[in-house]
N, C-alpha and C. Protein backbone atom coordinates (compact mmCIF):
# COMPACT_ATOMS: atom_id res chain seq x y z
N MET A 1 24.96 110.27 74.46
CA MET A 1 25.68 109.02 74.38
C MET A 1 27.14 109.25 73.98
N TYR A 2 27.33 110.08 72.92
CA TYR A 2 28.69 110.31 72.45
C TYR A 2 29.51 111.12 73.45
N GLU A 3 28.82 112.00 74.21
CA GLU A 3 29.52 112.76 75.24
C GLU A 3 30.04 111.82 76.32
N GLU A 4 29.22 110.81 76.64
CA GLU A 4 29.63 109.82 77.63
C GLU A 4 30.88 109.07 77.16
N TRP A 5 30.88 108.68 75.86
CA TRP A 5 32.04 107.98 75.30
C TRP A 5 33.26 108.89 75.29
N ASN A 6 33.06 110.14 74.90
CA ASN A 6 34.19 111.07 74.89
C ASN A 6 34.76 111.24 76.30
N GLY A 7 33.89 111.29 77.31
CA GLY A 7 34.36 111.39 78.69
C GLY A 7 35.16 110.16 79.10
N LEU A 8 34.67 108.98 78.72
CA LEU A 8 35.40 107.74 79.03
C LEU A 8 36.76 107.72 78.35
N VAL A 9 36.78 108.12 77.08
CA VAL A 9 38.04 108.10 76.32
C VAL A 9 39.03 109.09 76.92
N LEU A 10 38.54 110.29 77.27
CA LEU A 10 39.44 111.29 77.87
C LEU A 10 40.04 110.79 79.18
N SER A 11 39.21 110.21 80.03
CA SER A 11 39.75 109.71 81.30
C SER A 11 40.67 108.51 81.08
N ALA A 12 40.37 107.68 80.06
CA ALA A 12 41.25 106.55 79.75
C ALA A 12 42.59 107.05 79.21
N LYS A 13 42.56 108.12 78.41
CA LYS A 13 43.81 108.68 77.88
C LYS A 13 44.68 109.23 79.01
N GLU A 14 44.03 109.69 80.07
CA GLU A 14 44.77 110.23 81.21
C GLU A 14 45.31 109.12 82.12
N GLY A 15 44.94 107.86 81.81
CA GLY A 15 45.50 106.75 82.57
C GLY A 15 44.54 106.08 83.53
N ASP A 16 43.26 106.43 83.49
CA ASP A 16 42.28 105.82 84.39
C ASP A 16 42.00 104.38 83.94
N LEU A 17 42.46 103.41 84.72
CA LEU A 17 42.30 102.00 84.36
C LEU A 17 40.84 101.56 84.35
N ARG A 18 40.03 102.11 85.26
CA ARG A 18 38.61 101.74 85.31
C ARG A 18 37.91 102.14 84.01
N SER A 19 38.26 103.29 83.46
CA SER A 19 37.66 103.75 82.19
C SER A 19 38.08 102.83 81.05
N LYS A 20 39.35 102.44 81.04
CA LYS A 20 39.82 101.52 80.00
C LYS A 20 39.09 100.19 80.08
N GLU A 21 38.94 99.68 81.30
CA GLU A 21 38.22 98.41 81.47
C GLU A 21 36.78 98.52 81.01
N GLU A 22 36.14 99.63 81.32
CA GLU A 22 34.74 99.81 80.92
C GLU A 22 34.61 99.90 79.40
N ILE A 23 35.53 100.60 78.77
CA ILE A 23 35.51 100.70 77.30
C ILE A 23 35.68 99.31 76.69
N LEU A 24 36.65 98.56 77.19
CA LEU A 24 36.89 97.21 76.65
C LEU A 24 35.67 96.31 76.87
N GLU A 25 35.06 96.43 78.04
CA GLU A 25 33.89 95.62 78.35
C GLU A 25 32.72 95.96 77.42
N ARG A 26 32.51 97.25 77.19
CA ARG A 26 31.40 97.69 76.33
C ARG A 26 31.65 97.35 74.86
N LEU A 27 32.90 97.31 74.46
CA LEU A 27 33.21 97.08 73.04
C LEU A 27 33.46 95.62 72.71
N LEU A 28 33.37 94.73 73.69
CA LEU A 28 33.54 93.30 73.40
C LEU A 28 32.58 92.81 72.32
N PRO A 29 31.29 93.17 72.35
CA PRO A 29 30.40 92.74 71.26
C PRO A 29 30.85 93.26 69.89
N LEU A 30 31.40 94.48 69.85
CA LEU A 30 31.91 95.03 68.58
C LEU A 30 33.11 94.23 68.10
N ILE A 31 33.98 93.85 69.02
CA ILE A 31 35.16 93.04 68.66
C ILE A 31 34.71 91.70 68.10
N ILE A 32 33.77 91.05 68.77
CA ILE A 32 33.30 89.73 68.31
C ILE A 32 32.62 89.84 66.96
N SER A 33 31.78 90.86 66.78
CA SER A 33 31.11 90.99 65.48
C SER A 33 32.11 91.33 64.37
N SER A 34 33.16 92.08 64.69
CA SER A 34 34.19 92.38 63.69
C SER A 34 34.95 91.13 63.29
N ILE A 35 35.23 90.27 64.27
CA ILE A 35 35.90 89.00 63.96
C ILE A 35 35.03 88.17 63.04
N LYS A 36 33.75 88.05 63.39
CA LYS A 36 32.84 87.24 62.57
C LYS A 36 32.69 87.80 61.17
N LYS A 37 32.68 89.10 61.06
CA LYS A 37 32.44 89.73 59.76
C LYS A 37 33.68 89.75 58.87
N TYR A 38 34.84 90.01 59.45
CA TYR A 38 36.04 90.24 58.64
C TYR A 38 37.07 89.12 58.69
N TYR A 39 37.02 88.25 59.69
CA TYR A 39 38.02 87.18 59.79
C TYR A 39 37.46 86.05 60.62
N ASN A 40 36.60 85.27 60.05
CA ASN A 40 35.86 84.26 60.81
C ASN A 40 36.65 82.96 60.91
N ARG A 41 37.61 82.93 61.80
CA ARG A 41 38.39 81.72 62.08
C ARG A 41 38.16 81.35 63.53
N ARG A 42 37.31 80.39 63.76
CA ARG A 42 36.92 80.03 65.12
C ARG A 42 38.06 79.36 65.91
N ASP A 43 39.04 78.80 65.23
CA ASP A 43 40.13 78.13 65.94
C ASP A 43 41.06 79.12 66.65
N PHE A 44 41.02 80.39 66.28
CA PHE A 44 41.88 81.40 66.90
C PHE A 44 41.07 82.46 67.64
N TYR A 45 39.85 82.12 68.04
CA TYR A 45 38.92 83.11 68.58
C TYR A 45 39.48 83.87 69.77
N GLU A 46 40.01 83.18 70.77
CA GLU A 46 40.53 83.85 71.97
C GLU A 46 41.68 84.79 71.61
N GLU A 47 42.55 84.32 70.74
CA GLU A 47 43.68 85.13 70.30
C GLU A 47 43.20 86.39 69.59
N LEU A 48 42.19 86.23 68.73
CA LEU A 48 41.66 87.36 67.97
C LEU A 48 40.97 88.37 68.89
N ILE A 49 40.31 87.90 69.93
CA ILE A 49 39.68 88.81 70.89
C ILE A 49 40.76 89.60 71.62
N GLN A 50 41.85 88.94 72.01
CA GLN A 50 42.94 89.64 72.69
C GLN A 50 43.56 90.71 71.79
N GLU A 51 43.72 90.37 70.50
CA GLU A 51 44.25 91.35 69.56
C GLU A 51 43.28 92.51 69.39
N GLY A 52 41.99 92.21 69.44
CA GLY A 52 40.98 93.27 69.38
C GLY A 52 41.08 94.20 70.58
N TYR A 53 41.29 93.63 71.77
CA TYR A 53 41.48 94.46 72.96
C TYR A 53 42.69 95.38 72.79
N LEU A 54 43.78 94.82 72.30
CA LEU A 54 44.99 95.64 72.08
C LEU A 54 44.72 96.76 71.08
N CYS A 55 43.96 96.43 70.04
CA CYS A 55 43.62 97.42 69.02
C CYS A 55 42.80 98.55 69.64
N ILE A 56 41.84 98.21 70.50
CA ILE A 56 41.02 99.23 71.17
C ILE A 56 41.89 100.10 72.07
N LEU A 57 42.81 99.48 72.81
CA LEU A 57 43.70 100.25 73.69
C LEU A 57 44.58 101.20 72.88
N GLU A 58 45.08 100.74 71.74
CA GLU A 58 45.87 101.61 70.87
C GLU A 58 45.00 102.72 70.29
N SER A 59 43.75 102.39 69.98
CA SER A 59 42.83 103.39 69.45
C SER A 59 42.57 104.48 70.48
N ILE A 60 42.47 104.10 71.75
CA ILE A 60 42.28 105.09 72.81
C ILE A 60 43.46 106.05 72.83
N GLU A 61 44.68 105.50 72.75
CA GLU A 61 45.88 106.34 72.80
C GLU A 61 45.99 107.26 71.58
N ASN A 62 45.61 106.76 70.41
CA ASN A 62 45.78 107.52 69.17
C ASN A 62 44.61 108.44 68.84
N PHE A 63 43.47 108.28 69.50
CA PHE A 63 42.27 109.04 69.17
C PHE A 63 42.43 110.50 69.60
N LYS A 64 42.05 111.41 68.70
CA LYS A 64 42.10 112.85 68.99
C LYS A 64 40.66 113.33 69.16
N VAL A 65 40.32 113.76 70.36
CA VAL A 65 38.93 114.06 70.71
C VAL A 65 38.37 115.24 69.93
N GLY A 66 39.10 116.28 69.72
CA GLY A 66 38.57 117.49 69.10
C GLY A 66 38.45 117.46 67.58
N LYS A 67 38.55 116.32 66.94
CA LYS A 67 38.59 116.23 65.48
C LYS A 67 37.21 116.04 64.84
N ASN A 68 36.13 116.17 65.61
CA ASN A 68 34.77 116.02 65.07
C ASN A 68 34.51 114.60 64.57
N VAL A 69 35.15 113.62 65.18
CA VAL A 69 34.98 112.21 64.85
C VAL A 69 34.58 111.50 66.13
N TYR A 70 33.65 110.57 66.01
CA TYR A 70 33.22 109.81 67.18
C TYR A 70 34.16 108.64 67.42
N PHE A 71 34.44 108.38 68.70
CA PHE A 71 35.36 107.31 69.05
C PHE A 71 34.86 105.95 68.56
N LEU A 72 33.56 105.71 68.66
CA LEU A 72 33.02 104.41 68.24
C LEU A 72 33.27 104.14 66.76
N GLY A 73 33.10 105.16 65.93
CA GLY A 73 33.38 105.00 64.50
C GLY A 73 34.85 104.75 64.25
N TYR A 74 35.70 105.47 64.98
CA TYR A 74 37.14 105.31 64.85
C TYR A 74 37.57 103.90 65.27
N ALA A 75 37.05 103.44 66.41
CA ALA A 75 37.40 102.11 66.92
C ALA A 75 36.91 101.02 65.97
N LYS A 76 35.71 101.21 65.44
CA LYS A 76 35.15 100.22 64.51
C LYS A 76 36.03 100.09 63.27
N LEU A 77 36.49 101.21 62.73
CA LEU A 77 37.37 101.18 61.55
C LEU A 77 38.70 100.51 61.87
N GLN A 78 39.24 100.80 63.05
CA GLN A 78 40.52 100.19 63.44
C GLN A 78 40.39 98.68 63.54
N LEU A 79 39.28 98.21 64.11
CA LEU A 79 39.05 96.76 64.21
C LEU A 79 38.86 96.15 62.83
N ARG A 80 38.15 96.85 61.98
CA ARG A 80 37.92 96.34 60.62
C ARG A 80 39.26 96.13 59.91
N TYR A 81 40.12 97.15 59.95
CA TYR A 81 41.42 97.03 59.28
C TYR A 81 42.29 95.95 59.91
N LEU A 82 42.22 95.83 61.23
CA LEU A 82 43.00 94.79 61.91
C LEU A 82 42.64 93.41 61.38
N TYR A 83 41.34 93.11 61.33
CA TYR A 83 40.92 91.76 60.94
C TYR A 83 40.98 91.54 59.43
N LEU A 84 40.79 92.59 58.64
CA LEU A 84 40.96 92.43 57.19
C LEU A 84 42.42 92.17 56.85
N ASN A 85 43.33 92.84 57.55
CA ASN A 85 44.76 92.61 57.29
C ASN A 85 45.20 91.22 57.74
N LYS A 86 44.48 90.63 58.68
CA LYS A 86 44.78 89.26 59.09
C LYS A 86 44.61 88.30 57.92
N ASN A 87 43.66 88.59 57.03
CA ASN A 87 43.43 87.73 55.86
C ASN A 87 44.63 87.73 54.92
N ARG A 88 45.41 88.79 54.96
CA ARG A 88 46.57 88.89 54.07
C ARG A 88 47.76 88.08 54.57
N GLU A 89 47.77 87.82 55.86
CA GLU A 89 48.89 87.07 56.44
C GLU A 89 48.88 85.64 55.93
N LYS A 90 50.02 85.15 55.58
CA LYS A 90 50.13 83.77 55.11
C LYS A 90 50.20 82.84 56.31
N THR A 91 49.48 81.75 56.19
CA THR A 91 49.53 80.75 57.25
C THR A 91 50.30 79.55 56.74
N HIS A 92 51.08 78.97 57.60
CA HIS A 92 51.87 77.80 57.24
C HIS A 92 51.20 76.55 57.77
N ILE A 93 51.10 75.56 56.91
CA ILE A 93 50.47 74.30 57.29
C ILE A 93 51.50 73.20 57.10
N SER A 94 51.60 72.33 58.05
CA SER A 94 52.52 71.21 57.97
C SER A 94 52.07 70.25 56.88
N LEU A 95 53.03 69.67 56.17
CA LEU A 95 52.70 68.67 55.16
C LEU A 95 52.17 67.39 55.79
N ASN A 96 52.35 67.25 57.09
CA ASN A 96 51.84 66.07 57.80
C ASN A 96 50.43 66.26 58.33
N THR A 97 49.81 67.40 58.02
CA THR A 97 48.44 67.66 58.48
C THR A 97 47.48 66.65 57.86
N LYS A 98 46.64 66.09 58.69
CA LYS A 98 45.65 65.10 58.23
C LYS A 98 44.53 65.82 57.50
N ILE A 99 44.08 65.23 56.36
CA ILE A 99 42.99 65.81 55.59
C ILE A 99 41.97 64.74 55.26
N GLY A 100 40.85 65.16 54.74
CA GLY A 100 39.80 64.22 54.36
C GLY A 100 38.77 64.07 55.45
N GLU A 101 37.67 63.42 55.11
CA GLU A 101 36.58 63.25 56.07
C GLU A 101 37.00 62.40 57.27
N LYS A 102 37.75 61.36 57.02
CA LYS A 102 38.15 60.46 58.10
C LYS A 102 39.53 60.80 58.67
N GLN A 103 40.13 61.87 58.15
CA GLN A 103 41.46 62.31 58.61
C GLN A 103 42.50 61.21 58.47
N GLU A 104 42.44 60.47 57.37
CA GLU A 104 43.37 59.36 57.16
C GLU A 104 44.59 59.77 56.34
N ASP A 105 44.40 60.66 55.37
CA ASP A 105 45.49 61.03 54.48
C ASP A 105 46.19 62.29 54.98
N GLU A 106 47.45 62.42 54.58
CA GLU A 106 48.20 63.63 54.88
C GLU A 106 48.35 64.43 53.60
N ILE A 107 48.60 65.73 53.73
CA ILE A 107 48.78 66.58 52.56
C ILE A 107 49.92 66.06 51.71
N LEU A 108 50.98 65.59 52.34
CA LEU A 108 52.14 65.08 51.63
C LEU A 108 51.78 63.93 50.70
N ASP A 109 50.80 63.10 51.10
CA ASP A 109 50.40 61.96 50.28
C ASP A 109 49.73 62.40 48.98
N THR A 110 49.12 63.58 48.98
CA THR A 110 48.36 64.01 47.80
C THR A 110 49.22 64.75 46.79
N LEU A 111 50.43 65.14 47.18
CA LEU A 111 51.30 65.87 46.25
C LEU A 111 51.91 64.91 45.25
N GLY A 112 51.91 65.33 43.99
CA GLY A 112 52.50 64.49 42.95
C GLY A 112 54.00 64.64 42.91
N SER A 113 54.64 63.70 42.31
CA SER A 113 56.09 63.73 42.17
C SER A 113 56.46 64.61 40.99
N THR A 114 57.52 65.39 41.12
CA THR A 114 57.98 66.22 40.02
C THR A 114 58.94 65.46 39.12
N GLU A 115 59.39 64.31 39.57
CA GLU A 115 60.30 63.51 38.75
C GLU A 115 59.50 62.72 37.72
N LEU A 116 60.09 62.57 36.54
CA LEU A 116 59.43 61.79 35.50
C LEU A 116 59.55 60.30 35.82
N GLU A 117 58.57 59.59 35.41
CA GLU A 117 58.65 58.14 35.53
C GLU A 117 59.79 57.66 34.64
N PRO A 118 60.51 56.63 35.00
CA PRO A 118 61.62 56.15 34.17
C PRO A 118 61.17 55.80 32.75
N LEU A 119 60.02 55.17 32.61
CA LEU A 119 59.54 54.77 31.29
C LEU A 119 59.21 55.99 30.43
N SER A 120 58.53 56.98 31.01
CA SER A 120 58.18 58.16 30.22
C SER A 120 59.42 58.96 29.86
N ASP A 121 60.43 58.94 30.73
CA ASP A 121 61.69 59.63 30.44
C ASP A 121 62.37 58.98 29.22
N ILE A 122 62.39 57.67 29.19
CA ILE A 122 63.00 56.94 28.06
C ILE A 122 62.22 57.22 26.78
N LEU A 123 60.88 57.19 26.86
CA LEU A 123 60.05 57.45 25.68
C LEU A 123 60.26 58.87 25.16
N ASP A 124 60.36 59.84 26.05
CA ASP A 124 60.61 61.22 25.62
C ASP A 124 61.93 61.33 24.88
N ARG A 125 62.96 60.67 25.41
CA ARG A 125 64.27 60.70 24.74
C ARG A 125 64.20 60.07 23.35
N GLU A 126 63.50 58.93 23.23
CA GLU A 126 63.39 58.25 21.93
C GLU A 126 62.63 59.09 20.92
N ILE A 127 61.57 59.74 21.37
CA ILE A 127 60.80 60.60 20.46
C ILE A 127 61.66 61.76 19.98
N LYS A 128 62.43 62.37 20.87
CA LYS A 128 63.30 63.47 20.48
C LYS A 128 64.36 63.01 19.49
N GLN A 129 64.93 61.82 19.71
CA GLN A 129 65.93 61.29 18.78
C GLN A 129 65.31 61.04 17.41
N ALA A 130 64.09 60.49 17.39
CA ALA A 130 63.42 60.22 16.11
C ALA A 130 63.15 61.53 15.38
N LEU A 131 62.68 62.53 16.10
CA LEU A 131 62.41 63.82 15.45
C LEU A 131 63.69 64.46 14.94
N ASN A 132 64.76 64.35 15.72
CA ASN A 132 66.04 64.91 15.27
C ASN A 132 66.50 64.27 13.97
N SER A 133 66.26 62.97 13.83
CA SER A 133 66.69 62.30 12.59
C SER A 133 65.88 62.76 11.39
N TYR A 134 64.64 63.21 11.60
CA TYR A 134 63.82 63.70 10.49
C TYR A 134 64.03 65.18 10.20
N LEU A 135 64.66 65.89 11.09
CA LEU A 135 64.89 67.32 10.86
C LEU A 135 65.86 67.56 9.70
N ILE A 136 66.63 66.55 9.30
CA ILE A 136 67.57 66.73 8.19
C ILE A 136 66.84 66.99 6.88
N TYR A 137 65.55 66.65 6.81
CA TYR A 137 64.78 66.86 5.59
C TYR A 137 64.22 68.28 5.49
N LEU A 138 64.42 69.09 6.52
CA LEU A 138 63.89 70.45 6.52
C LEU A 138 64.98 71.45 6.16
N THR A 139 64.55 72.62 5.68
CA THR A 139 65.51 73.70 5.42
C THR A 139 65.97 74.26 6.77
N ASP A 140 67.03 75.05 6.72
CA ASP A 140 67.53 75.63 7.96
C ASP A 140 66.48 76.50 8.65
N ARG A 141 65.75 77.30 7.85
CA ARG A 141 64.71 78.17 8.42
C ARG A 141 63.60 77.33 9.05
N GLN A 142 63.18 76.26 8.38
CA GLN A 142 62.12 75.40 8.91
C GLN A 142 62.57 74.72 10.21
N LYS A 143 63.83 74.25 10.23
CA LYS A 143 64.36 73.63 11.46
C LYS A 143 64.31 74.64 12.61
N GLU A 144 64.77 75.84 12.31
CA GLU A 144 64.83 76.87 13.35
C GLU A 144 63.44 77.18 13.91
N VAL A 145 62.46 77.32 13.02
CA VAL A 145 61.10 77.62 13.46
C VAL A 145 60.53 76.47 14.28
N VAL A 146 60.72 75.23 13.83
CA VAL A 146 60.19 74.07 14.55
C VAL A 146 60.83 73.96 15.93
N VAL A 147 62.15 74.12 16.00
CA VAL A 147 62.84 74.02 17.29
C VAL A 147 62.40 75.14 18.23
N LEU A 148 62.33 76.37 17.71
CA LEU A 148 61.92 77.49 18.56
C LEU A 148 60.48 77.31 19.07
N PHE A 149 59.61 76.78 18.21
CA PHE A 149 58.21 76.65 18.60
C PHE A 149 57.97 75.45 19.52
N TYR A 150 58.48 74.28 19.15
CA TYR A 150 58.16 73.07 19.90
C TYR A 150 59.13 72.76 21.04
N VAL A 151 60.39 73.10 20.88
CA VAL A 151 61.37 72.78 21.92
C VAL A 151 61.50 73.94 22.91
N ASN A 152 61.72 75.15 22.36
CA ASN A 152 61.91 76.32 23.23
C ASN A 152 60.60 76.94 23.69
N ARG A 153 59.49 76.49 23.11
CA ARG A 153 58.15 76.95 23.48
C ARG A 153 57.95 78.45 23.31
N LEU A 154 58.54 79.02 22.26
CA LEU A 154 58.32 80.43 21.96
C LEU A 154 57.03 80.59 21.17
N SER A 155 56.37 81.72 21.34
CA SER A 155 55.16 81.97 20.56
C SER A 155 55.55 82.35 19.13
N ILE A 156 54.59 82.27 18.24
CA ILE A 156 54.87 82.61 16.84
C ILE A 156 55.27 84.08 16.73
N THR A 157 54.65 84.93 17.51
CA THR A 157 55.00 86.35 17.51
C THR A 157 56.45 86.55 17.91
N LYS A 158 56.89 85.87 18.96
CA LYS A 158 58.29 86.00 19.42
C LYS A 158 59.26 85.46 18.38
N ILE A 159 58.88 84.35 17.73
CA ILE A 159 59.75 83.79 16.69
C ILE A 159 59.88 84.78 15.54
N ALA A 160 58.76 85.39 15.15
CA ALA A 160 58.79 86.38 14.06
C ALA A 160 59.69 87.55 14.42
N GLU A 161 59.60 88.03 15.65
CA GLU A 161 60.46 89.13 16.09
C GLU A 161 61.93 88.71 16.07
N ARG A 162 62.20 87.51 16.56
CA ARG A 162 63.58 87.02 16.64
C ARG A 162 64.20 86.85 15.25
N LEU A 163 63.41 86.33 14.31
CA LEU A 163 63.94 86.08 12.97
C LEU A 163 63.83 87.29 12.06
N GLY A 164 63.09 88.30 12.49
CA GLY A 164 62.93 89.50 11.68
C GLY A 164 62.04 89.29 10.46
N VAL A 165 61.04 88.43 10.58
CA VAL A 165 60.10 88.17 9.48
C VAL A 165 58.68 88.41 10.00
N SER A 166 57.72 88.34 9.10
CA SER A 166 56.34 88.59 9.50
C SER A 166 55.75 87.37 10.21
N TYR A 167 54.68 87.60 10.93
CA TYR A 167 53.96 86.56 11.64
C TYR A 167 53.50 85.49 10.67
N ARG A 168 52.94 85.92 9.56
CA ARG A 168 52.39 85.01 8.56
C ARG A 168 53.49 84.11 7.97
N THR A 169 54.70 84.66 7.78
CA THR A 169 55.81 83.88 7.24
C THR A 169 56.16 82.74 8.20
N VAL A 170 56.17 83.02 9.49
CA VAL A 170 56.48 81.99 10.48
C VAL A 170 55.41 80.91 10.46
N VAL A 171 54.13 81.31 10.37
CA VAL A 171 53.04 80.33 10.32
C VAL A 171 53.19 79.43 9.10
N ASN A 172 53.45 80.03 7.94
CA ASN A 172 53.60 79.25 6.71
C ASN A 172 54.81 78.31 6.78
N THR A 173 55.92 78.80 7.33
CA THR A 173 57.13 77.98 7.46
C THR A 173 56.87 76.79 8.37
N LYS A 174 56.22 77.03 9.48
CA LYS A 174 55.92 75.95 10.43
C LYS A 174 54.96 74.94 9.81
N THR A 175 53.94 75.43 9.14
CA THR A 175 52.96 74.53 8.50
C THR A 175 53.63 73.65 7.46
N ARG A 176 54.48 74.25 6.64
CA ARG A 176 55.18 73.49 5.60
C ARG A 176 56.12 72.45 6.22
N ALA A 177 56.82 72.83 7.30
CA ALA A 177 57.73 71.90 7.97
C ALA A 177 56.97 70.71 8.55
N ILE A 178 55.81 70.96 9.12
CA ILE A 178 54.99 69.87 9.68
C ILE A 178 54.52 68.94 8.57
N GLU A 179 54.13 69.51 7.43
CA GLU A 179 53.70 68.67 6.30
C GLU A 179 54.83 67.76 5.83
N ILE A 180 56.04 68.32 5.75
CA ILE A 180 57.20 67.53 5.33
C ILE A 180 57.46 66.41 6.33
N LEU A 181 57.45 66.74 7.63
CA LEU A 181 57.70 65.73 8.66
C LEU A 181 56.63 64.64 8.65
N LYS A 182 55.38 65.01 8.44
CA LYS A 182 54.30 64.02 8.38
C LYS A 182 54.52 63.07 7.21
N GLY A 183 54.96 63.63 6.08
CA GLY A 183 55.21 62.79 4.90
C GLY A 183 56.27 61.74 5.18
N TYR A 184 57.34 62.12 5.84
CA TYR A 184 58.41 61.17 6.15
C TYR A 184 58.02 60.21 7.26
N LEU A 185 57.21 60.64 8.20
CA LEU A 185 56.79 59.77 9.29
C LEU A 185 55.83 58.69 8.82
N LYS A 186 55.08 58.95 7.74
CA LYS A 186 54.14 57.96 7.22
C LYS A 186 54.87 56.80 6.56
N GLU A 187 56.05 57.06 6.07
CA GLU A 187 56.81 56.02 5.36
C GLU A 187 57.31 54.97 6.25
């Protein structure tokens, strides 16, 4: 069997079109099974089969007969890599693509807005102003820790590194600052 394949491949390498056609015809089931196994996208089936044919033709050209490797194994690996690499390719989808069971909504409709609502924007500003007015009751170190932690969103470890103090000192400073702020907010 393998001698027959080697004979077909050798004659195909020499340019015999009938041998190439026979190889492609015989390997069509392998191409289809490779598509199903490694890249099962039925909407591109014809395209994927054509790419499989091209891959087989390239495999014929690149195959070295005397290397103690069977052509079928070589072709199978080439198809596998072709279709596995297809999974890595990014596909672009229009934001106007219909989704859902009834195909009524578009992808664009489901995306949230990145802009803040006007009311929440006003509330955020008022909360920040209120907190700023209470920061005067904290020491400079406490203010710095609170601002770095809550406003700049730095971790306690990063704050400790930045201020040159221990982790525990930052935790204690933050805890004490929160207690002070809670006391004034209750009033």
